[in-house]
């Protein structure tokens, strides 16, 4: 991860660099931390509901149509 900054306390701006063999690419992203309640609210606003997590670490969510 490169170019990491925190423009706000709950905001992360960073670039991921991936290298596989002789191939290299980057992915720049901005991520905002959300409480569980706020995240559920945002999903509802988008017409989605959380069905569960994709792993035991709660980093990836499975969201499906409500």
Protein backbone atom coordinates (compact mmCIF):
# COMPACT_ATOMS: atom_id res chain seq x y z
CA UNK A 1 0.00 0.00 0.00
CA UNK A 2 1.36 3.41 -0.96
CA UNK A 3 0.27 7.04 -0.83
CA UNK A 4 -1.66 6.41 2.39
CA UNK A 5 -3.34 9.40 4.00
CA UNK A 6 -6.17 10.06 6.43
CA UNK A 7 -7.86 13.28 5.30
CA UNK A 8 -10.43 12.79 8.09
CA UNK A 9 -10.34 10.54 11.19
CA UNK A 10 -12.65 7.90 9.63
CA UNK A 11 -11.39 8.25 6.03
CA UNK A 12 -8.56 6.34 4.37
CA UNK A 13 -7.13 7.36 0.98
CA UNK A 14 -4.56 4.91 -0.40
CA UNK A 15 -3.17 3.11 -3.43
CA UNK A 16 -2.66 -0.64 -3.57
CA UNK A 17 0.03 -1.99 -5.85
CA UNK A 18 -0.26 -5.54 -7.17
CA UNK A 19 2.53 -7.51 -8.85
CA UNK A 20 2.01 -10.93 -10.42
CA UNK A 21 4.95 -12.20 -12.42
CA UNK A 22 5.91 -9.40 -14.79
CA UNK A 23 2.49 -7.72 -14.54
CA UNK A 24 1.94 -4.73 -12.25
CA UNK A 25 -1.13 -2.63 -11.61
CA UNK A 26 -2.40 -0.17 -9.03
CA UNK A 27 -5.77 0.54 -7.48
CA UNK A 28 -6.39 3.88 -5.79
CA UNK A 29 -9.35 4.01 -3.41
CA UNK A 30 -11.02 5.98 -0.63
CA UNK A 31 -12.62 4.07 2.23
CA UNK A 32 -14.77 5.40 5.07
CA UNK A 33 -15.25 3.53 8.34
CA UNK A 34 -18.92 3.05 9.28
CA UNK A 35 -20.65 1.76 12.39
CA UNK A 36 -22.72 -1.40 11.94
CA UNK A 37 -25.94 0.60 12.35
CA UNK A 38 -24.94 3.23 9.78
CA UNK A 39 -23.82 0.55 7.36
CA UNK A 40 -27.18 -1.24 7.67
CA UNK A 41 -28.93 2.09 7.06
CA UNK A 42 -26.88 2.73 3.91
CA UNK A 43 -27.69 -0.75 2.63
CA UNK A 44 -31.42 -0.17 3.22
CA UNK A 45 -31.23 3.14 1.33
CA UNK A 46 -29.73 1.23 -1.60
CA UNK A 47 -32.47 -1.44 -1.46
CA UNK A 48 -30.12 -4.05 0.01
CA UNK A 49 -29.82 -6.10 3.16
CA UNK A 50 -26.84 -7.85 4.70
CA UNK A 51 -27.01 -11.63 4.36
CA UNK A 52 -23.79 -12.34 6.22
CA UNK A 53 -20.02 -12.10 6.08
CA UNK A 54 -17.74 -13.75 3.53
CA UNK A 55 -15.10 -14.57 6.15
CA UNK A 56 -14.62 -14.72 9.88
CA UNK A 57 -12.90 -11.33 10.05
CA UNK A 58 -16.03 -9.25 9.18
CA UNK A 59 -14.16 -7.39 6.42
CA UNK A 60 -16.36 -8.45 3.49
CA UNK A 61 -20.15 -8.42 3.54
CA UNK A 62 -22.60 -10.31 1.36
CA UNK A 63 -25.35 -7.81 0.48
CA UNK A 64 -28.43 -8.95 -1.41
CA UNK A 65 -31.61 -7.24 -2.64
CA UNK A 66 -33.98 -6.51 0.24
